[in-house]
mmCIF file of all heavy atoms, coordinates in Angstrom:
data_MODEL
# 
_entry.id   MODEL 
# 
loop_
_atom_site.group_PDB 
_atom_site.id 
_atom_site.type_symbol 
_atom_site.label_atom_id 
_atom_site.label_alt_id 
_atom_site.label_comp_id 
_atom_site.label_asym_id 
_atom_site.label_entity_id 
_atom_site.label_seq_id 
_atom_site.pdbx_PDB_ins_code 
_atom_site.Cartn_x 
_atom_site.Cartn_y 
_atom_site.Cartn_z 
_atom_site.occupancy 
_atom_site.B_iso_or_equiv 
_atom_site.pdbx_formal_charge 
_atom_site.auth_seq_id 
_atom_site.auth_comp_id 
_atom_site.auth_asym_id 
_atom_site.auth_atom_id 
_atom_site.pdbx_PDB_model_num 
ATOM 1   N N   . LYS A 1 1  ? -11.200 6.513   18.237  1.00 0.00 ? 1  LYS A N   1 
ATOM 2   C CA  . LYS A 1 1  ? -12.407 5.960   17.607  1.00 0.00 ? 1  LYS A CA  1 
ATOM 3   C C   . LYS A 1 1  ? -12.293 5.901   16.097  1.00 0.00 ? 1  LYS A C   1 
ATOM 4   O O   . LYS A 1 1  ? -12.946 5.082   15.464  1.00 0.00 ? 1  LYS A O   1 
ATOM 5   C CB  . LYS A 1 1  ? -13.612 6.816   18.005  1.00 0.00 ? 1  LYS A CB  1 
ATOM 6   C CG  . LYS A 1 1  ? -13.944 6.756   19.492  1.00 0.00 ? 1  LYS A CG  1 
ATOM 7   C CD  . LYS A 1 1  ? -15.158 7.610   19.800  1.00 0.00 ? 1  LYS A CD  1 
ATOM 8   C CE  . LYS A 1 1  ? -15.512 7.551   21.281  1.00 0.00 ? 1  LYS A CE  1 
ATOM 9   N NZ  . LYS A 1 1  ? -16.698 8.393   21.606  1.00 0.00 ? 1  LYS A NZ  1 
ATOM 10  N N   . ASP A 1 2  ? -11.462 6.772   15.539  1.00 0.00 ? 2  ASP A N   1 
ATOM 11  C CA  . ASP A 1 2  ? -11.360 6.845   14.085  1.00 0.00 ? 2  ASP A CA  1 
ATOM 12  C C   . ASP A 1 2  ? -9.947  7.218   13.684  1.00 0.00 ? 2  ASP A C   1 
ATOM 13  O O   . ASP A 1 2  ? -9.318  8.064   14.328  1.00 0.00 ? 2  ASP A O   1 
ATOM 14  C CB  . ASP A 1 2  ? -12.342 7.885   13.533  1.00 0.00 ? 2  ASP A CB  1 
ATOM 15  C CG  . ASP A 1 2  ? -12.371 7.907   12.018  1.00 0.00 ? 2  ASP A CG  1 
ATOM 16  O OD1 . ASP A 1 2  ? -13.040 7.040   11.419  1.00 0.00 ? 2  ASP A OD1 1 
ATOM 17  O OD2 . ASP A 1 2  ? -11.712 8.782   11.427  1.00 0.00 ? 2  ASP A OD2 1 
ATOM 18  N N   . PHE A 1 3  ? -9.404  6.601   12.620  1.00 0.00 ? 3  PHE A N   1 
ATOM 19  C CA  . PHE A 1 3  ? -8.046  6.896   12.166  1.00 0.00 ? 3  PHE A CA  1 
ATOM 20  C C   . PHE A 1 3  ? -7.968  8.257   11.478  1.00 0.00 ? 3  PHE A C   1 
ATOM 21  O O   . PHE A 1 3  ? -6.891  8.849   11.370  1.00 0.00 ? 3  PHE A O   1 
ATOM 22  C CB  . PHE A 1 3  ? -7.564  5.794   11.214  1.00 0.00 ? 3  PHE A CB  1 
ATOM 23  C CG  . PHE A 1 3  ? -6.140  5.953   10.774  1.00 0.00 ? 3  PHE A CG  1 
ATOM 24  C CD1 . PHE A 1 3  ? -5.090  5.785   11.679  1.00 0.00 ? 3  PHE A CD1 1 
ATOM 25  C CD2 . PHE A 1 3  ? -5.832  6.298   9.468   1.00 0.00 ? 3  PHE A CD2 1 
ATOM 26  C CE1 . PHE A 1 3  ? -3.769  5.951   11.291  1.00 0.00 ? 3  PHE A CE1 1 
ATOM 27  C CE2 . PHE A 1 3  ? -4.509  6.469   9.064   1.00 0.00 ? 3  PHE A CE2 1 
ATOM 28  C CZ  . PHE A 1 3  ? -3.481  6.288   9.974   1.00 0.00 ? 3  PHE A CZ  1 
ATOM 29  N N   . LYS A 1 4  ? -9.068  8.747   10.997  1.00 0.00 ? 4  LYS A N   1 
ATOM 30  C CA  . LYS A 1 4  ? -9.189  10.070  10.358  1.00 0.00 ? 4  LYS A CA  1 
ATOM 31  C C   . LYS A 1 4  ? -8.523  10.132  8.975   1.00 0.00 ? 4  LYS A C   1 
ATOM 32  O O   . LYS A 1 4  ? -8.100  11.207  8.533   1.00 0.00 ? 4  LYS A O   1 
ATOM 33  C CB  . LYS A 1 4  ? -8.594  11.163  11.255  1.00 0.00 ? 4  LYS A CB  1 
ATOM 34  C CG  . LYS A 1 4  ? -9.269  11.268  12.617  1.00 0.00 ? 4  LYS A CG  1 
ATOM 35  C CD  . LYS A 1 4  ? -8.626  12.367  13.443  1.00 0.00 ? 4  LYS A CD  1 
ATOM 36  C CE  . LYS A 1 4  ? -9.242  12.443  14.836  1.00 0.00 ? 4  LYS A CE  1 
ATOM 37  N NZ  . LYS A 1 4  ? -8.607  13.508  15.663  1.00 0.00 ? 4  LYS A NZ  1 
ATOM 38  N N   . GLY A 1 5  ? -8.443  8.999   8.322   1.00 0.00 ? 5  GLY A N   1 
ATOM 39  C CA  . GLY A 1 5  ? -7.854  8.987   6.985   1.00 0.00 ? 5  GLY A CA  1 
ATOM 40  C C   . GLY A 1 5  ? -7.999  7.633   6.337   1.00 0.00 ? 5  GLY A C   1 
ATOM 41  O O   . GLY A 1 5  ? -8.411  6.653   6.976   1.00 0.00 ? 5  GLY A O   1 
ATOM 42  N N   . ASN A 1 6  ? -7.675  7.569   5.061   1.00 0.00 ? 6  ASN A N   1 
ATOM 43  C CA  . ASN A 1 6  ? -7.716  6.305   4.338   1.00 0.00 ? 6  ASN A CA  1 
ATOM 44  C C   . ASN A 1 6  ? -6.600  5.381   4.804   1.00 0.00 ? 6  ASN A C   1 
ATOM 45  O O   . ASN A 1 6  ? -5.505  5.843   5.143   1.00 0.00 ? 6  ASN A O   1 
ATOM 46  C CB  . ASN A 1 6  ? -7.585  6.546   2.834   1.00 0.00 ? 6  ASN A CB  1 
ATOM 47  C CG  . ASN A 1 6  ? -8.752  7.315   2.260   1.00 0.00 ? 6  ASN A CG  1 
ATOM 48  O OD1 . ASN A 1 6  ? -9.885  7.164   2.712   1.00 0.00 ? 6  ASN A OD1 1 
ATOM 49  N ND2 . ASN A 1 6  ? -8.490  8.147   1.266   1.00 0.00 ? 6  ASN A ND2 1 
ATOM 50  N N   . VAL A 1 7  ? -6.873  4.092   4.805   1.00 0.00 ? 7  VAL A N   1 
ATOM 51  C CA  . VAL A 1 7  ? -5.868  3.089   5.187   1.00 0.00 ? 7  VAL A CA  1 
ATOM 52  C C   . VAL A 1 7  ? -5.759  2.065   4.059   1.00 0.00 ? 7  VAL A C   1 
ATOM 53  O O   . VAL A 1 7  ? -6.758  1.446   3.707   1.00 0.00 ? 7  VAL A O   1 
ATOM 54  C CB  . VAL A 1 7  ? -6.242  2.391   6.500   1.00 0.00 ? 7  VAL A CB  1 
ATOM 55  C CG1 . VAL A 1 7  ? -5.219  1.303   6.842   1.00 0.00 ? 7  VAL A CG1 1 
ATOM 56  C CG2 . VAL A 1 7  ? -6.331  3.398   7.649   1.00 0.00 ? 7  VAL A CG2 1 
ATOM 57  N N   . PRO A 1 8  ? -4.584  1.869   3.448   1.00 0.00 ? 8  PRO A N   1 
ATOM 58  C CA  . PRO A 1 8  ? -3.354  2.610   3.746   1.00 0.00 ? 8  PRO A CA  1 
ATOM 59  C C   . PRO A 1 8  ? -3.366  4.005   3.120   1.00 0.00 ? 8  PRO A C   1 
ATOM 60  O O   . PRO A 1 8  ? -3.946  4.212   2.061   1.00 0.00 ? 8  PRO A O   1 
ATOM 61  C CB  . PRO A 1 8  ? -2.269  1.749   3.100   1.00 0.00 ? 8  PRO A CB  1 
ATOM 62  C CG  . PRO A 1 8  ? -2.965  1.089   1.946   1.00 0.00 ? 8  PRO A CG  1 
ATOM 63  C CD  . PRO A 1 8  ? -4.363  0.820   2.423   1.00 0.00 ? 8  PRO A CD  1 
ATOM 64  N N   . GLY A 1 9  ? -2.709  4.924   3.775   1.00 0.00 ? 9  GLY A N   1 
ATOM 65  C CA  . GLY A 1 9  ? -2.651  6.292   3.273   1.00 0.00 ? 9  GLY A CA  1 
ATOM 66  C C   . GLY A 1 9  ? -1.581  6.487   2.210   1.00 0.00 ? 9  GLY A C   1 
ATOM 67  O O   . GLY A 1 9  ? -1.659  7.416   1.410   1.00 0.00 ? 9  GLY A O   1 
ATOM 68  N N   . ARG A 1 10 ? -0.575  5.595   2.192   1.00 0.00 ? 10 ARG A N   1 
ATOM 69  C CA  . ARG A 1 10 ? 0.511   5.694   1.199   1.00 0.00 ? 10 ARG A CA  1 
ATOM 70  C C   . ARG A 1 10 ? 0.752   4.325   0.554   1.00 0.00 ? 10 ARG A C   1 
ATOM 71  O O   . ARG A 1 10 ? 1.831   3.722   0.702   1.00 0.00 ? 10 ARG A O   1 
ATOM 72  C CB  . ARG A 1 10 ? 1.792   6.202   1.871   1.00 0.00 ? 10 ARG A CB  1 
ATOM 73  C CG  . ARG A 1 10 ? 1.678   7.603   2.466   1.00 0.00 ? 10 ARG A CG  1 
ATOM 74  C CD  . ARG A 1 10 ? 3.013   8.061   3.020   1.00 0.00 ? 10 ARG A CD  1 
ATOM 75  N NE  . ARG A 1 10 ? 2.925   9.398   3.587   1.00 0.00 ? 10 ARG A NE  1 
ATOM 76  C CZ  . ARG A 1 10 ? 2.648   9.656   4.873   1.00 0.00 ? 10 ARG A CZ  1 
ATOM 77  N NH1 . ARG A 1 10 ? 2.424   8.650   5.722   1.00 0.00 ? 10 ARG A NH1 1 
ATOM 78  N NH2 . ARG A 1 10 ? 2.594   10.905  5.314   1.00 0.00 ? 10 ARG A NH2 1 
ATOM 79  N N   . PRO A 1 11 ? -0.230  3.809   -0.167  1.00 0.00 ? 11 PRO A N   1 
ATOM 80  C CA  . PRO A 1 11 ? -0.080  2.482   -0.768  1.00 0.00 ? 11 PRO A CA  1 
ATOM 81  C C   . PRO A 1 11 ? 1.046   2.388   -1.786  1.00 0.00 ? 11 PRO A C   1 
ATOM 82  O O   . PRO A 1 11 ? 1.583   1.304   -2.037  1.00 0.00 ? 11 PRO A O   1 
ATOM 83  C CB  . PRO A 1 11 ? -1.441  2.248   -1.430  1.00 0.00 ? 11 PRO A CB  1 
ATOM 84  C CG  . PRO A 1 11 ? -1.973  3.618   -1.693  1.00 0.00 ? 11 PRO A CG  1 
ATOM 85  C CD  . PRO A 1 11 ? -1.506  4.447   -0.536  1.00 0.00 ? 11 PRO A CD  1 
ATOM 86  N N   . ASP A 1 12 ? 1.443   3.520   -2.359  1.00 0.00 ? 12 ASP A N   1 
ATOM 87  C CA  . ASP A 1 12 ? 2.431   3.525   -3.428  1.00 0.00 ? 12 ASP A CA  1 
ATOM 88  C C   . ASP A 1 12 ? 3.849   3.210   -2.952  1.00 0.00 ? 12 ASP A C   1 
ATOM 89  O O   . ASP A 1 12 ? 4.715   2.882   -3.783  1.00 0.00 ? 12 ASP A O   1 
ATOM 90  C CB  . ASP A 1 12 ? 2.439   4.890   -4.126  1.00 0.00 ? 12 ASP A CB  1 
ATOM 91  C CG  . ASP A 1 12 ? 2.689   6.031   -3.157  1.00 0.00 ? 12 ASP A CG  1 
ATOM 92  O OD1 . ASP A 1 12 ? 1.926   6.148   -2.184  1.00 0.00 ? 12 ASP A OD1 1 
ATOM 93  O OD2 . ASP A 1 12 ? 3.645   6.803   -3.368  1.00 0.00 ? 12 ASP A OD2 1 
ATOM 94  N N   . ILE A 1 13 ? 4.125   3.257   -1.643  1.00 0.00 ? 13 ILE A N   1 
ATOM 95  C CA  . ILE A 1 13 ? 5.495   3.025   -1.178  1.00 0.00 ? 13 ILE A CA  1 
ATOM 96  C C   . ILE A 1 13 ? 5.794   1.542   -0.965  1.00 0.00 ? 13 ILE A C   1 
ATOM 97  O O   . ILE A 1 13 ? 6.943   1.175   -0.727  1.00 0.00 ? 13 ILE A O   1 
ATOM 98  C CB  . ILE A 1 13 ? 5.797   3.789   0.128   1.00 0.00 ? 13 ILE A CB  1 
ATOM 99  C CG1 . ILE A 1 13 ? 4.955   3.240   1.296   1.00 0.00 ? 13 ILE A CG1 1 
ATOM 100 C CG2 . ILE A 1 13 ? 5.591   5.282   -0.045  1.00 0.00 ? 13 ILE A CG2 1 
ATOM 101 C CD1 . ILE A 1 13 ? 5.370   3.776   2.649   1.00 0.00 ? 13 ILE A CD1 1 
ATOM 102 N N   . LEU A 1 14 ? 4.788   0.693   -1.063  1.00 0.00 ? 14 LEU A N   1 
ATOM 103 C CA  . LEU A 1 14 ? 4.957   -0.733  -0.766  1.00 0.00 ? 14 LEU A CA  1 
ATOM 104 C C   . LEU A 1 14 ? 4.785   -1.594  -2.010  1.00 0.00 ? 14 LEU A C   1 
ATOM 105 O O   . LEU A 1 14 ? 3.767   -1.514  -2.699  1.00 0.00 ? 14 LEU A O   1 
ATOM 106 C CB  . LEU A 1 14 ? 3.944   -1.161  0.293   1.00 0.00 ? 14 LEU A CB  1 
ATOM 107 C CG  . LEU A 1 14 ? 3.922   -2.656  0.644   1.00 0.00 ? 14 LEU A CG  1 
ATOM 108 C CD1 . LEU A 1 14 ? 5.235   -3.067  1.301   1.00 0.00 ? 14 LEU A CD1 1 
ATOM 109 C CD2 . LEU A 1 14 ? 2.748   -2.981  1.565   1.00 0.00 ? 14 LEU A CD2 1 
ATOM 110 N N   . ILE A 1 15 ? 5.800   -2.402  -2.290  1.00 0.00 ? 15 ILE A N   1 
ATOM 111 C CA  . ILE A 1 15 ? 5.693   -3.491  -3.254  1.00 0.00 ? 15 ILE A CA  1 
ATOM 112 C C   . ILE A 1 15 ? 5.711   -4.756  -2.406  1.00 0.00 ? 15 ILE A C   1 
ATOM 113 O O   . ILE A 1 15 ? 6.743   -5.115  -1.851  1.00 0.00 ? 15 ILE A O   1 
ATOM 114 C CB  . ILE A 1 15 ? 6.856   -3.471  -4.256  1.00 0.00 ? 15 ILE A CB  1 
ATOM 115 C CG1 . ILE A 1 15 ? 6.828   -2.176  -5.071  1.00 0.00 ? 15 ILE A CG1 1 
ATOM 116 C CG2 . ILE A 1 15 ? 6.778   -4.682  -5.187  1.00 0.00 ? 15 ILE A CG2 1 
ATOM 117 C CD1 . ILE A 1 15 ? 8.019   -2.016  -6.002  1.00 0.00 ? 15 ILE A CD1 1 
ATOM 118 N N   . SER A 1 16 ? 4.590   -5.386  -2.273  1.00 0.00 ? 16 SER A N   1 
ATOM 119 C CA  . SER A 1 16 ? 4.442   -6.435  -1.272  1.00 0.00 ? 16 SER A CA  1 
ATOM 120 C C   . SER A 1 16 ? 5.073   -7.763  -1.683  1.00 0.00 ? 16 SER A C   1 
ATOM 121 O O   . SER A 1 16 ? 5.919   -8.308  -0.987  1.00 0.00 ? 16 SER A O   1 
ATOM 122 C CB  . SER A 1 16 ? 2.958   -6.639  -0.954  1.00 0.00 ? 16 SER A CB  1 
ATOM 123 O OG  . SER A 1 16 ? 2.809   -7.577  0.090   1.00 0.00 ? 16 SER A OG  1 
ATOM 124 N N   . THR A 1 17 ? 4.651   -8.302  -2.819  1.00 0.00 ? 17 THR A N   1 
ATOM 125 C CA  . THR A 1 17 ? 5.080   -9.643  -3.231  1.00 0.00 ? 17 THR A CA  1 
ATOM 126 C C   . THR A 1 17 ? 5.949   -9.603  -4.479  1.00 0.00 ? 17 THR A C   1 
ATOM 127 O O   . THR A 1 17 ? 6.077   -8.574  -5.141  1.00 0.00 ? 17 THR A O   1 
ATOM 128 C CB  . THR A 1 17 ? 3.859   -10.524 -3.518  1.00 0.00 ? 17 THR A CB  1 
ATOM 129 O OG1 . THR A 1 17 ? 3.194   -10.008 -4.696  1.00 0.00 ? 17 THR A OG1 1 
ATOM 130 C CG2 . THR A 1 17 ? 2.887   -10.524 -2.346  1.00 0.00 ? 17 THR A CG2 1 
ATOM 131 N N   . SER A 1 18 ? 6.505   -10.749 -4.827  1.00 0.00 ? 18 SER A N   1 
ATOM 132 C CA  . SER A 1 18 ? 7.306   -10.852 -6.045  1.00 0.00 ? 18 SER A CA  1 
ATOM 133 C C   . SER A 1 18 ? 6.457   -10.595 -7.281  1.00 0.00 ? 18 SER A C   1 
ATOM 134 O O   . SER A 1 18 ? 6.931   -10.004 -8.263  1.00 0.00 ? 18 SER A O   1 
ATOM 135 C CB  . SER A 1 18 ? 7.956   -12.234 -6.117  1.00 0.00 ? 18 SER A CB  1 
ATOM 136 O OG  . SER A 1 18 ? 8.831   -12.418 -5.018  1.00 0.00 ? 18 SER A OG  1 
ATOM 137 N N   . ALA A 1 19 ? 5.218   -11.039 -7.254  1.00 0.00 ? 19 ALA A N   1 
ATOM 138 C CA  . ALA A 1 19 ? 4.307   -10.766 -8.368  1.00 0.00 ? 19 ALA A CA  1 
ATOM 139 C C   . ALA A 1 19 ? 4.072   -9.271  -8.507  1.00 0.00 ? 19 ALA A C   1 
ATOM 140 O O   . ALA A 1 19 ? 4.016   -8.726  -9.621  1.00 0.00 ? 19 ALA A O   1 
ATOM 141 C CB  . ALA A 1 19 ? 2.983   -11.502 -8.162  1.00 0.00 ? 19 ALA A CB  1 
ATOM 142 N N   . ASP A 1 20 ? 3.934   -8.596  -7.389  1.00 0.00 ? 20 ASP A N   1 
ATOM 143 C CA  . ASP A 1 20 ? 3.778   -7.134  -7.407  1.00 0.00 ? 20 ASP A CA  1 
ATOM 144 C C   . ASP A 1 20 ? 5.028   -6.458  -7.980  1.00 0.00 ? 20 ASP A C   1 
ATOM 145 O O   . ASP A 1 20 ? 4.928   -5.453  -8.683  1.00 0.00 ? 20 ASP A O   1 
ATOM 146 C CB  . ASP A 1 20 ? 3.513   -6.597  -6.002  1.00 0.00 ? 20 ASP A CB  1 
ATOM 147 C CG  . ASP A 1 20 ? 2.178   -7.067  -5.434  1.00 0.00 ? 20 ASP A CG  1 
ATOM 148 O OD1 . ASP A 1 20 ? 1.266   -7.346  -6.226  1.00 0.00 ? 20 ASP A OD1 1 
ATOM 149 O OD2 . ASP A 1 20 ? 2.061   -7.151  -4.194  1.00 0.00 ? 20 ASP A OD2 1 
ATOM 150 N N   . LEU A 1 21 ? 6.193   -7.022  -7.682  1.00 0.00 ? 21 LEU A N   1 
ATOM 151 C CA  . LEU A 1 21 ? 7.435   -6.453  -8.211  1.00 0.00 ? 21 LEU A CA  1 
ATOM 152 C C   . LEU A 1 21 ? 7.477   -6.591  -9.725  1.00 0.00 ? 21 LEU A C   1 
ATOM 153 O O   . LEU A 1 21 ? 7.854   -5.645  -10.430 1.00 0.00 ? 21 LEU A O   1 
ATOM 154 C CB  . LEU A 1 21 ? 8.643   -7.142  -7.583  1.00 0.00 ? 21 LEU A CB  1 
ATOM 155 C CG  . LEU A 1 21 ? 10.009  -6.692  -8.115  1.00 0.00 ? 21 LEU A CG  1 
ATOM 156 C CD1 . LEU A 1 21 ? 10.223  -5.205  -7.893  1.00 0.00 ? 21 LEU A CD1 1 
ATOM 157 C CD2 . LEU A 1 21 ? 11.132  -7.499  -7.472  1.00 0.00 ? 21 LEU A CD2 1 
ATOM 158 N N   . LEU A 1 22 ? 7.088   -7.737  -10.248 1.00 0.00 ? 22 LEU A N   1 
ATOM 159 C CA  . LEU A 1 22 ? 7.068   -7.922  -11.701 1.00 0.00 ? 22 LEU A CA  1 
ATOM 160 C C   . LEU A 1 22 ? 6.121   -6.914  -12.353 1.00 0.00 ? 22 LEU A C   1 
ATOM 161 O O   . LEU A 1 22 ? 6.433   -6.359  -13.415 1.00 0.00 ? 22 LEU A O   1 
ATOM 162 C CB  . LEU A 1 22 ? 6.633   -9.343  -12.057 1.00 0.00 ? 22 LEU A CB  1 
ATOM 163 C CG  . LEU A 1 22 ? 7.597   -10.478 -11.712 1.00 0.00 ? 22 LEU A CG  1 
ATOM 164 C CD1 . LEU A 1 22 ? 7.041   -11.802 -12.252 1.00 0.00 ? 22 LEU A CD1 1 
ATOM 165 C CD2 . LEU A 1 22 ? 8.983   -10.222 -12.270 1.00 0.00 ? 22 LEU A CD2 1 
ATOM 166 N N   . ALA A 1 23 ? 4.999   -6.671  -11.713 1.00 0.00 ? 23 ALA A N   1 
ATOM 167 C CA  . ALA A 1 23 ? 4.035   -5.705  -12.236 1.00 0.00 ? 23 ALA A CA  1 
ATOM 168 C C   . ALA A 1 23 ? 4.630   -4.291  -12.232 1.00 0.00 ? 23 ALA A C   1 
ATOM 169 O O   . ALA A 1 23 ? 4.441   -3.524  -13.191 1.00 0.00 ? 23 ALA A O   1 
ATOM 170 C CB  . ALA A 1 23 ? 2.755   -5.745  -11.408 1.00 0.00 ? 23 ALA A CB  1 
ATOM 171 N N   . ALA A 1 24 ? 5.359   -3.959  -11.168 1.00 0.00 ? 24 ALA A N   1 
ATOM 172 C CA  . ALA A 1 24 ? 5.988   -2.647  -11.078 1.00 0.00 ? 24 ALA A CA  1 
ATOM 173 C C   . ALA A 1 24 ? 7.078   -2.488  -12.136 1.00 0.00 ? 24 ALA A C   1 
ATOM 174 O O   . ALA A 1 24 ? 7.243   -1.408  -12.727 1.00 0.00 ? 24 ALA A O   1 
ATOM 175 C CB  . ALA A 1 24 ? 6.574   -2.438  -9.679  1.00 0.00 ? 24 ALA A CB  1 
# 
């Protein structure tokens, strides 16, 4: 019924797009 945590729980491990990569 519930994931019991924030989603995503580890947002820092993902660089999604090329624009995100430039920002990183």
